[in-house]
Amino acid sequence: MDMKSTDTHKIGHVRKSAVSNGVYWYAVHVKSRHEFKVLERLTGSGVVAFLPVVERLSRWKDRKKLVDFPLFPGYLFVHIHKVYDNILPVLKIPGVVRFLGIVPGEPQPVPEEQIVSLRKLVESKKDIDPYPYLKEGEMVRVKSGPLAGVEGVLVEKYGQHMLVLSVDVLQQGAAVKIKD
């Protein structure tokens, strides 16, 4: 998928559009269990949004079904200019609580590399688990395979090597098993 395409494309729960200067990704906190509704409202109003989702098997008494769940419950990302005229319409979307940032009321951009890596992780359809936020550890970059270019922290869990992708502004992460 060409990131510079002028057309809007939907891949899973990602909407891509033209990349231009001064446009950054921001994390948005939404009401509990409103992630998909807010995504729909944002994209319907022309805002480029990204909701990382994972597929899980849900079981009911009479059946089993694969269901999409937000990787980071209560959060999604928007790709906008950091100007009042673009921030206010997002805040007015029903279900949106606030933008995340270190300074209250001041949205903090999410580094493009973290969004690109998160997209690759989600699009790989590998078994992804939420993982505690990590600040320390050795940063690695996957050199080949479907996750080529993804940067994260290499950790070991239950004898398996895991690649942990941290999203700084959310102070959350996602982990995927990788082969040696």
Foldseek 3Di string as FASTA:
>chain_A
DDQQAQDWDDDPLFTGHHDDPQKFKWKFFFPFPCVVVLSVVCVVVPWGKAFQWAWDWDDDPVDIDTDIDGQDTRMIMTIGHQDPVVQVVSCPRPGTDGIFDPDPPHIDGWDPLLVVLSVLVRNVNADKHKDQQDDDADWDADCDDSNHGRIAHWDADPNFIWGWRHGVRSRIIMIGTDDD
